[in-house]
Amino acid sequence: MTVHVRINALSALGQLLRDLNSTEFQSLCEQAARENPWFTKDNVRMAVDGVISFLQKDKLQQWTSSYNFEVKPKRVAIVMAGNIPLVGFHDLLAVLISGHTAVVKLSSKDSVLLKFILQELFEIEPAFRTKIELAEQLKNFDAVIATGSDNSARYFDYYFGKYPHIIRKNRTSVAILSGVETKEELHALGTDVFSYFGLGCRNISKLFVPEGYIFDKLFESWESYQPIIHHHKYCNNYDYQKSIMLVNGIPFLDNGFVMLHQNAKMVSPISVVYYETYKDQNELTEKLNAAAEKIQCIGGNTSPATVSFGQTQRPALWDYADQVNTLKFLTSLPD
């Protein structure tokens, strides 16, 4: 297949996903939720919409326009995470668009959705059947893209370090508040915090606020997200985290479905958002620089924020995880 043929097939897949009727989509959501209770209908919808946005023909052409795909095909192993729906799709897309063969180790927590998408892709372009292998054990590969926790990354380094690789560890996202945000901007920030229950690396789990910041307006702007507490797994986490802080006398702010806790750490537990104060721009920059290796993206409407409020979970094709250019990696593999 030429890159032109691959782009046409992938854009047709995007159109097919866009045209799924409500009955088909509901069935898919129910299957995904049986496999992973965190995968609610709203979260699956958001993830599928993200895939659809990737698979627009003009965007695929723009993404690939500056790369040479006349490279010797390799077998690229992909170890997928399962924290949010279809989180490994971008890696798979990059491997396929590059002309390589993807040897995929699915997460046991996110196999339903990807298998459905692959089956539809095979119907559209049967040639992809020889370019994708689902494997329980990875073997006979030339390069690796692996995503997991800090602990699993050490395992990946040990087993895959001798191959060309991209190995991703735990990251999270942060937001910068100046104190003059509108209610609409703060509501949009809630999307970055609460989508996928905060389980993604692009979810905001830490706020940087100016000294003396008052959180009343923020809590008021987040009221519409209150139904999240009705999800049993989220509610269990909320009750547990609240109990821990109460027992240990840890001060926190609470609105009944999320707690704010002043903490220098970056990654907060489910149902908790950490915050840290800054006195001026220089101190803020220092704190962000010190934590740079743990930050996926920075939300806000002022520098040094890089993503607008409400947009952290809507990356473009060229917004690479950990700022590592996957296409450049895949088109530069040694012969």
Protein backbone atom coordinates (compact mmCIF):
# COMPACT_ATOMS: atom_id res chain seq x y z
CA MET A 1 0.00 0.00 0.00
CA THR A 2 1.14 3.51 -0.75
CA VAL A 3 0.70 6.25 1.83
CA HIS A 4 -2.09 7.60 -0.39
CA VAL A 5 -3.98 4.29 -0.16
CA ARG A 6 -3.42 4.14 3.60
CA ILE A 7 -4.74 7.67 4.10
CA ASN A 8 -7.83 6.95 2.00
CA ALA A 9 -8.61 3.79 3.99
CA LEU A 10 -8.06 5.49 7.35
CA SER A 11 -10.20 8.48 6.42
CA ALA A 12 -12.94 6.05 5.32
CA LEU A 13 -12.66 4.47 8.77
CA GLY A 14 -13.18 7.88 10.33
CA GLN A 15 -16.33 8.37 8.27
CA LEU A 16 -17.63 4.94 9.28
CA LEU A 17 -17.14 5.77 12.96
CA ARG A 18 -18.89 9.09 12.41
CA ASP A 19 -21.85 7.27 10.86
CA LEU A 20 -22.36 4.69 13.62
CA ASN A 21 -26.03 4.71 14.57
CA SER A 22 -27.14 5.02 18.18
CA THR A 23 -27.93 1.31 18.54
CA GLU A 24 -24.49 0.23 17.29
CA PHE A 25 -22.77 2.77 19.49
CA GLN A 26 -24.79 1.80 22.56
CA SER A 27 -23.89 -1.86 22.07
CA LEU A 28 -20.21 -0.98 21.72
CA CYS A 29 -20.33 1.11 24.91
CA GLU A 30 -21.97 -1.70 26.86
CA GLN A 31 -19.29 -4.17 25.78
CA ALA A 32 -16.51 -1.71 26.68
CA ALA A 33 -18.05 -1.01 30.11
CA ARG A 34 -18.24 -4.74 30.89
CA GLU A 35 -14.51 -4.94 30.26
CA ASN A 36 -13.70 -1.71 32.11
CA PRO A 37 -16.31 -0.03 34.37
CA TRP A 38 -14.49 3.32 34.03
CA PHE A 39 -15.45 3.39 30.33
CA THR A 40 -18.79 5.16 30.52
CA LYS A 41 -20.80 6.05 27.44
CA ASP A 42 -19.74 9.71 27.67
CA ASN A 43 -16.08 8.77 27.94
CA VAL A 44 -16.25 6.34 25.03
CA ARG A 45 -18.00 9.02 22.99
CA MET A 46 -15.21 11.48 23.74
CA ALA A 47 -12.53 8.95 22.82
CA VAL A 48 -14.21 7.90 19.57
CA ASP A 49 -14.72 11.55 18.64
CA GLY A 50 -10.99 12.04 19.19
CA VAL A 51 -10.22 9.17 16.81
CA ILE A 52 -12.62 10.62 14.25
CA SER A 53 -10.84 13.96 14.46
CA PHE A 54 -7.52 12.19 13.77
CA LEU A 55 -8.92 10.39 10.73
CA GLN A 56 -9.88 13.41 8.65
CA LYS A 57 -8.23 13.16 5.26
CA ASP A 58 -6.90 16.71 5.18
CA LYS A 59 -5.38 16.34 8.65
CA LEU A 60 -3.75 13.02 7.77
CA GLN A 61 -2.26 14.61 4.64
CA GLN A 62 -1.00 17.60 6.61
CA TRP A 63 0.49 15.36 9.31
CA THR A 64 2.39 13.18 6.87
CA SER A 65 3.35 15.80 4.26
CA SER A 66 6.89 16.43 5.50
CA TYR A 67 7.98 12.80 5.95
CA ASN A 68 9.53 10.28 3.60
CA PHE A 69 7.71 6.95 3.91
CA GLU A 70 9.92 5.16 1.41
CA VAL A 71 11.53 3.23 4.24
CA LYS A 72 12.09 -0.47 4.72
CA PRO A 73 9.05 -1.81 6.62
CA LYS A 74 9.79 -2.91 10.16
CA ARG A 75 7.87 -4.78 12.81
CA VAL A 76 7.05 -2.30 15.56
CA ALA A 77 5.81 -3.62 18.88
CA ILE A 78 3.23 -1.45 20.66
CA VAL A 79 2.50 -1.98 24.35
CA MET A 80 -0.77 -0.19 25.03
CA ALA A 81 -2.04 1.25 28.28
CA GLY A 82 -5.68 0.91 29.32
CA ASN A 83 -6.30 3.90 31.56
CA ILE A 84 -8.67 5.68 29.16
CA PRO A 85 -10.54 4.44 26.06
CA LEU A 86 -8.43 4.01 22.91
CA VAL A 87 -5.40 5.64 24.52
CA GLY A 88 -3.06 3.60 22.29
CA PHE A 89 -4.75 4.45 19.01
CA HIS A 90 -2.39 7.28 18.04
CA ASP A 91 0.65 4.98 18.31
CA LEU A 92 -1.07 2.39 16.13
CA LEU A 93 -2.07 5.03 13.62
CA ALA A 94 1.50 6.34 13.42
CA VAL A 95 2.88 2.84 12.79
CA LEU A 96 0.30 2.07 10.10
CA ILE A 97 0.61 5.39 8.30
CA SER A 98 4.39 4.87 8.21
CA GLY A 99 4.00 1.55 6.37
CA HIS A 100 5.33 -0.63 9.16
CA THR A 101 3.71 -3.71 10.70
CA ALA A 102 2.20 -3.17 14.16
CA VAL A 103 2.66 -5.99 16.67
CA VAL A 104 0.16 -4.94 19.33
CA LYS A 105 -0.05 -5.99 22.96
CA LEU A 106 -3.51 -4.77 23.95
CA SER A 107 -4.34 -3.80 27.50
CA SER A 108 -6.77 -6.24 29.11
CA LYS A 109 -8.70 -3.15 30.21
CA ASP A 110 -9.15 -1.75 26.70
CA SER A 111 -9.45 -4.38 23.99
CA VAL A 112 -13.10 -4.18 22.94
CA LEU A 113 -12.97 -0.78 21.29
CA LEU A 114 -9.72 -1.31 19.41
CA LYS A 115 -10.75 -4.74 18.15
CA PHE A 116 -13.97 -3.25 16.83
CA ILE A 117 -12.09 -0.47 15.03
CA LEU A 118 -9.58 -2.90 13.54
CA GLN A 119 -12.30 -5.18 12.22
CA GLU A 120 -13.93 -2.23 10.48
CA LEU A 121 -10.58 -1.17 9.04
CA PHE A 122 -9.97 -4.67 7.65
CA GLU A 123 -13.35 -4.55 5.92
CA ILE A 124 -12.45 -1.23 4.33
CA GLU A 125 -8.91 -2.22 3.29
CA PRO A 126 -8.11 -5.97 3.60
CA ALA A 127 -4.40 -5.27 3.01
CA PHE A 128 -4.19 -4.01 6.58
CA ARG A 129 -4.79 -7.57 7.83
CA THR A 130 -1.13 -8.35 7.15
CA LYS A 131 0.04 -5.10 8.79
CA ILE A 132 -1.49 -5.61 12.24
CA GLU A 133 -0.86 -8.49 14.62
CA LEU A 134 -2.45 -8.80 18.04
CA ALA A 135 -0.05 -10.63 20.32
CA GLU A 136 -0.21 -11.93 23.88
CA GLN A 137 3.58 -12.16 23.94
CA LEU A 138 5.78 -9.82 21.95
CA LYS A 139 8.44 -11.42 19.77
CA ASN A 140 10.13 -10.93 16.41
CA PHE A 141 10.05 -7.13 16.38
CA ASP A 142 12.51 -4.40 15.38
CA ALA A 143 11.39 -1.43 17.50
CA VAL A 144 9.11 -0.73 20.47
CA ILE A 145 6.64 1.89 21.61
CA ALA A 146 5.55 1.17 25.19
CA THR A 147 3.36 3.14 27.57
CA GLY A 148 2.81 2.44 31.24
CA SER A 149 3.50 3.46 34.81
CA ASP A 150 6.88 4.44 36.23
CA ASN A 151 7.21 0.88 37.55
CA SER A 152 6.36 -0.76 34.23
CA ALA A 153 8.73 1.63 32.46
CA ARG A 154 11.62 0.10 34.38
CA TYR A 155 10.48 -3.30 33.17
CA PHE A 156 10.25 -1.96 29.60
CA ASP A 157 13.75 -0.48 29.83
CA TYR A 158 15.13 -3.82 30.94
CA TYR A 159 13.48 -5.91 28.22
CA PHE A 160 13.30 -3.45 25.34
CA GLY A 161 16.29 -1.19 25.92
CA LYS A 162 18.39 -2.86 23.22
CA TYR A 163 15.83 -2.01 20.52
CA PRO A 164 15.04 1.42 19.10
CA HIS A 165 12.29 2.52 21.44
CA ILE A 166 9.92 5.09 22.85
CA ILE A 167 9.13 4.29 26.47
CA ARG A 168 6.64 6.50 28.28
CA LYS A 169 6.24 6.84 32.05
CA ASN A 170 3.63 8.45 34.28
CA ARG A 171 2.80 12.02 33.39
CA THR A 172 0.02 14.39 34.28
CA SER A 173 -1.16 17.82 33.24
CA VAL A 174 -1.42 21.08 35.14
CA ALA A 175 -3.30 24.35 34.84
CA ILE A 176 -2.23 27.90 35.56
CA LEU A 177 -4.81 30.22 37.11
CA SER A 178 -4.23 33.95 37.34
CA GLY A 179 -7.33 34.79 39.35
CA VAL A 180 -9.09 36.74 36.59
CA GLU A 181 -10.56 33.77 34.69
CA THR A 182 -14.18 33.98 33.63
CA LYS A 183 -16.79 31.54 34.86
CA GLU A 184 -16.85 30.06 31.33
CA GLU A 185 -13.09 29.48 31.36
CA LEU A 186 -13.25 27.82 34.77
CA HIS A 187 -16.11 25.62 33.59
CA ALA A 188 -14.00 24.58 30.58
CA LEU A 189 -11.17 23.74 32.98
CA GLY A 190 -13.59 21.29 34.60
CA THR A 191 -13.62 19.29 31.36
CA ASP A 192 -9.85 18.92 31.64
CA VAL A 193 -10.18 17.78 35.24
CA PHE A 194 -13.22 15.47 35.16
CA SER A 195 -13.24 13.86 31.70
CA TYR A 196 -12.23 10.20 31.93
CA PHE A 197 -12.54 10.63 35.73
CA GLY A 198 -9.08 12.24 35.69
CA LEU A 199 -7.37 8.99 34.68
CA GLY A 200 -5.49 10.29 31.62
CA CYS A 201 -2.07 11.89 31.40
CA ARG A 202 -3.73 14.86 29.69
CA ASN A 203 -6.15 15.31 32.59
CA ILE A 204 -5.33 18.23 34.86
CA SER A 205 -4.57 17.01 38.36
CA LYS A 206 -2.68 20.05 39.65
CA LEU A 207 -3.50 23.77 39.75
CA PHE A 208 -1.01 26.59 40.15
CA VAL A 209 -2.81 29.55 41.70
CA PRO A 210 -1.62 33.00 42.86
CA GLU A 211 -1.13 33.53 46.59
CA GLY A 212 -4.40 34.38 48.29
CA TYR A 213 -6.51 32.75 45.58
CA ILE A 214 -10.18 32.25 46.55
CA PHE A 215 -11.70 29.01 45.24
CA ASP A 216 -15.40 29.94 45.57
CA LYS A 217 -15.78 30.95 41.91
CA LEU A 218 -14.00 27.79 40.77
CA PHE A 219 -16.31 25.52 42.76
CA GLU A 220 -19.34 27.44 41.52
CA SER A 221 -18.18 26.99 37.92
CA TRP A 222 -17.79 23.25 38.42
CA GLU A 223 -21.31 22.59 39.78
CA SER A 224 -22.51 20.98 36.53
CA TYR A 225 -19.92 18.19 36.95
CA GLN A 226 -21.56 17.02 40.19
CA PRO A 227 -23.13 13.88 38.61
CA ILE A 228 -19.65 12.33 38.45
CA ILE A 229 -20.09 11.34 42.09
CA HIS A 230 -22.83 8.88 41.07
CA HIS A 231 -20.31 6.61 39.38
CA HIS A 232 -19.66 3.91 41.96
CA LYS A 233 -15.92 3.55 41.41
CA TYR A 234 -15.35 7.31 41.49
CA CYS A 235 -17.53 7.64 44.59
CA ASN A 236 -15.58 4.89 46.35
CA ASN A 237 -12.34 6.77 45.64
CA TYR A 238 -13.87 10.03 46.85
CA ASP A 239 -15.05 8.45 50.13
CA TYR A 240 -11.68 6.77 50.68
CA GLN A 241 -9.58 9.88 50.00
CA LYS A 242 -11.85 12.02 52.18
CA SER A 243 -11.59 9.53 55.04
CA ILE A 244 -7.80 9.45 54.81
CA MET A 245 -7.53 13.24 54.98
CA LEU A 246 -10.03 13.51 57.83
CA VAL A 247 -8.32 10.81 59.90
CA ASN A 248 -4.93 12.40 59.39
CA GLY A 249 -6.10 15.95 60.00
CA ILE A 250 -5.09 17.08 56.51
CA PRO A 251 -6.78 20.35 55.52
CA PHE A 252 -8.72 20.30 52.26
CA LEU A 253 -11.54 22.04 50.41
CA ASP A 254 -14.58 19.99 49.43
CA ASN A 255 -17.65 20.60 47.28
CA GLY A 256 -19.20 17.16 47.64
CA PHE A 257 -17.64 15.52 44.59
CA VAL A 258 -14.03 16.70 44.39
CA MET A 259 -11.50 17.83 46.97
CA LEU A 260 -8.77 20.43 46.61
CA HIS A 261 -5.62 19.84 48.62
CA GLN A 262 -2.51 21.99 48.78
CA ASN A 263 0.36 19.69 47.89
CA ALA A 264 3.68 20.01 46.08
CA LYS A 265 3.23 16.64 44.34
CA MET A 266 2.08 16.56 40.73
CA VAL A 267 -0.12 13.47 40.38
CA SER A 268 -3.20 13.54 42.59
CA PRO A 269 -5.47 10.59 43.44
CA ILE A 270 -8.87 10.17 41.76
CA SER A 271 -11.38 12.70 43.18
CA VAL A 272 -8.59 14.98 44.46
CA VAL A 273 -6.99 17.94 42.70
CA TYR A 274 -3.74 19.28 44.11
CA TYR A 275 -2.93 22.96 44.10
CA GLU A 276 0.13 25.03 44.77
CA THR A 277 0.50 28.80 45.11
CA TYR A 278 2.98 31.11 43.41
CA LYS A 279 3.88 34.69 44.25
CA ASP A 280 5.12 35.84 40.84
CA GLN A 281 5.89 34.67 37.31
CA ASN A 282 9.49 33.80 38.14
CA GLU A 283 8.49 31.46 40.95
CA LEU A 284 5.84 29.86 38.74
CA THR A 285 8.37 29.27 35.97
CA GLU A 286 10.80 27.70 38.43
CA LYS A 287 8.16 25.30 39.71
CA LEU A 288 7.08 24.28 36.23
CA ASN A 289 10.67 23.76 35.10
CA ALA A 290 11.42 21.61 38.15
CA ALA A 291 8.47 19.34 37.31
CA ALA A 292 8.86 19.39 33.52
CA GLU A 293 9.55 15.66 33.20
CA LYS A 294 6.20 14.86 34.86
CA ILE A 295 4.07 17.34 32.90
CA GLN A 296 2.24 16.32 29.73
CA CYS A 297 0.66 19.69 28.98
CA ILE A 298 -0.11 23.01 30.65
CA GLY A 299 -3.62 24.42 30.50
CA GLY A 300 -4.47 28.08 30.83
CA ASN A 301 -4.97 31.36 29.04
CA THR A 302 -1.66 33.00 29.94
CA SER A 303 1.99 32.11 29.31
CA PRO A 304 3.56 29.63 29.83
CA ALA A 305 0.32 27.67 29.27
CA THR A 306 0.29 25.79 25.96
CA VAL A 307 -3.31 24.52 25.79
CA SER A 308 -6.53 26.48 26.24
CA PHE A 309 -8.91 25.56 29.05
CA GLY A 310 -11.13 22.66 28.01
CA GLN A 311 -8.79 21.41 25.28
CA THR A 312 -6.23 19.19 27.00
CA GLN A 313 -8.09 16.01 25.96
CA ARG A 314 -8.42 17.16 22.35
CA PRO A 315 -4.88 16.84 20.97
CA ALA A 316 -4.10 17.23 17.29
CA LEU A 317 -2.30 14.52 15.35
CA TRP A 318 0.98 16.36 15.82
CA ASP A 319 0.57 16.84 19.60
CA TYR A 320 2.82 13.95 20.55
CA ALA A 321 2.78 12.32 23.97
CA ASP A 322 5.80 13.37 26.05
CA GLN A 323 6.74 15.69 23.16
CA VAL A 324 8.43 12.76 21.40
CA ASN A 325 7.73 12.86 17.64
CA THR A 326 6.49 9.37 16.88
CA LEU A 327 6.47 9.81 13.10
CA LYS A 328 10.05 11.04 13.10
CA PHE A 329 11.05 8.01 15.17
CA LEU A 330 9.23 5.61 12.84
CA THR A 331 10.62 7.09 9.63
CA SER A 332 14.18 7.08 10.99
CA LEU A 333 14.48 3.46 12.10
CA PRO A 334 17.81 1.93 11.04
CA ASP A 335 17.83 -0.66 8.26
